[in-house]
Amino acid sequence: MKLKPIGRVFNGLNESPGDWTKVKSKIILERRYIAGLYKMNRFKHVWVVFGFHRQRQTVLRVHPMHDPEKPLVGVFASRSPTRPNKLGITLVDLLSVKGNVLTVRGLDAFNGSPVYDIKPNEEEIDY
């Protein structure tokens, strides 16, 4: 399977702020995907699937949050970016949708990260 980005993250961050919950990011989709955002503004939260584009290594046991005081856990029992497929998924606050730009809060992705998919929070779906 080959994934192709549908957009990119823009937030100016190239290192972790520590607390990602307050970070605002813009996700700029390729213009050809604008129709896919129809009625997206009805949601307060969306899942963003993105790539850890700067991460090269895979580490199977990690200290959560890079804190050596915390006991080692398997990478799949953590949110570490040192995963085999370098994919991240985060539930974020959707602040606005304008054209091909989504403004979100709480996305733990660095500036330039590829975005592969966006999905509504299942609990908010009301067709």
Protein backbone atom coordinates (compact mmCIF):
# COMPACT_ATOMS: atom_id res chain seq x y z
CA MET A 1 0.00 0.00 0.00
CA LYS A 2 1.31 3.43 -0.90
CA LEU A 3 -0.11 6.45 0.91
CA LYS A 4 -0.25 9.84 -0.75
CA PRO A 5 -0.67 12.98 1.34
CA ILE A 6 -3.89 14.94 0.87
CA GLY A 7 -2.36 17.99 2.56
CA ARG A 8 0.19 19.31 5.03
CA VAL A 9 0.30 20.69 8.57
CA PHE A 10 1.38 24.31 9.10
CA ASN A 11 2.06 25.49 12.65
CA GLY A 12 5.66 26.73 12.66
CA LEU A 13 6.74 24.06 15.17
CA ASN A 14 9.93 22.10 14.60
CA GLU A 15 10.26 20.83 18.15
CA SER A 16 7.79 19.69 20.77
CA PRO A 17 6.14 22.43 22.83
CA GLY A 18 5.59 19.87 25.59
CA ASP A 19 1.86 20.51 25.79
CA TRP A 20 0.28 20.06 22.36
CA THR A 21 -3.29 20.61 23.59
CA LYS A 22 -3.16 24.37 23.04
CA VAL A 23 -1.29 24.33 19.72
CA LYS A 24 -3.25 25.69 16.76
CA SER A 25 -2.42 24.28 13.35
CA LYS A 26 -3.66 24.80 9.85
CA ILE A 27 -4.14 21.77 7.65
CA ILE A 28 -3.98 22.86 4.05
CA LEU A 29 -5.43 20.26 1.72
CA GLU A 30 -4.72 20.02 -1.97
CA ARG A 31 -7.46 21.97 -3.73
CA ARG A 32 -8.77 18.88 -5.52
CA TYR A 33 -10.07 17.61 -2.16
CA ILE A 34 -12.25 20.63 -1.29
CA ALA A 35 -15.46 18.77 -2.22
CA GLY A 36 -14.54 16.17 0.41
CA LEU A 37 -14.88 18.82 3.12
CA TYR A 38 -18.58 19.40 2.38
CA LYS A 39 -20.40 19.68 5.75
CA MET A 40 -17.20 19.06 7.72
CA ASN A 41 -17.88 22.27 9.67
CA ARG A 42 -20.72 20.47 11.50
CA PHE A 43 -18.16 18.70 13.67
CA LYS A 44 -16.38 19.94 16.78
CA HIS A 45 -13.73 17.21 16.67
CA VAL A 46 -12.02 15.29 13.87
CA TRP A 47 -9.40 12.56 13.69
CA VAL A 48 -6.30 13.51 11.73
CA VAL A 49 -4.10 10.74 10.28
CA PHE A 50 -0.63 12.13 9.60
CA GLY A 51 2.95 11.06 9.07
CA PHE A 52 5.92 11.41 11.39
CA HIS A 53 7.92 12.71 8.43
CA ARG A 54 11.10 13.49 10.38
CA GLN A 55 11.25 10.18 12.26
CA ARG A 56 13.62 7.60 10.77
CA GLN A 57 14.22 5.01 13.46
CA THR A 58 11.91 2.42 14.94
CA VAL A 59 12.22 1.73 18.67
CA LEU A 60 10.03 -1.06 20.01
CA ARG A 61 10.35 -0.21 23.71
CA VAL A 62 10.10 3.38 24.87
CA HIS A 63 9.74 5.51 27.97
CA PRO A 64 6.34 7.28 27.58
CA MET A 65 6.69 10.97 26.77
CA HIS A 66 10.51 10.49 26.58
CA ASP A 67 10.55 10.48 30.39
CA PRO A 68 13.16 8.01 31.71
CA GLU A 69 11.36 8.08 35.08
CA LYS A 70 8.44 6.27 33.46
CA PRO A 71 8.78 2.50 32.97
CA LEU A 72 9.47 1.10 29.52
CA VAL A 73 6.46 0.06 27.44
CA GLY A 74 6.08 -1.34 23.96
CA VAL A 75 5.77 1.26 21.22
CA PHE A 76 2.23 0.06 20.46
CA ALA A 77 1.30 0.80 24.09
CA SER A 78 2.43 4.40 23.67
CA ARG A 79 2.00 7.47 21.47
CA SER A 80 5.67 7.47 20.50
CA PRO A 81 6.54 8.50 16.93
CA THR A 82 9.18 5.73 16.67
CA ARG A 83 6.65 3.39 15.05
CA PRO A 84 7.34 1.00 12.17
CA ASN A 85 5.00 2.81 9.74
CA LYS A 86 5.49 6.36 11.06
CA LEU A 87 1.74 7.07 11.21
CA GLY A 88 0.10 9.25 13.83
CA ILE A 89 -3.58 9.72 14.59
CA THR A 90 -4.93 12.42 16.87
CA LEU A 91 -8.41 13.59 17.86
CA VAL A 92 -8.35 17.39 17.54
CA ASP A 93 -10.68 20.32 18.07
CA LEU A 94 -11.95 21.56 14.72
CA LEU A 95 -11.99 25.35 14.93
CA SER A 96 -12.88 26.26 11.34
CA VAL A 97 -13.10 25.10 7.74
CA LYS A 98 -12.53 27.69 5.03
CA GLY A 99 -11.98 26.52 1.49
CA ASN A 100 -9.21 23.94 1.63
CA VAL A 101 -7.94 25.05 5.06
CA LEU A 102 -8.90 23.44 8.36
CA THR A 103 -7.84 25.16 11.57
CA VAL A 104 -7.46 22.71 14.44
CA ARG A 105 -6.21 22.69 18.02
CA GLY A 106 -4.31 19.86 19.69
CA LEU A 107 -2.61 18.25 16.70
CA ASP A 108 0.74 16.79 17.81
CA ALA A 109 2.41 17.09 14.41
CA PHE A 110 5.34 19.22 13.36
CA ASN A 111 5.26 21.87 10.68
CA GLY A 112 5.21 20.25 7.24
CA SER A 113 3.89 16.88 8.38
CA PRO A 114 1.94 15.09 5.64
CA VAL A 115 -1.78 14.56 6.30
CA TYR A 116 -3.17 11.31 4.90
CA ASP A 117 -6.78 11.40 6.05
CA ILE A 118 -9.33 13.28 8.15
CA LYS A 119 -12.31 11.59 9.73
CA PRO A 120 -15.19 12.95 11.82
CA ASN A 121 -15.50 11.94 15.44
CA GLU A 122 -17.95 9.05 15.37
CA GLU A 123 -19.90 10.29 18.40
CA GLU A 124 -20.81 13.50 16.55
CA ILE A 125 -22.05 11.93 13.31
CA ASP A 126 -25.73 12.66 12.73
CA TYR A 127 -26.70 12.08 9.13
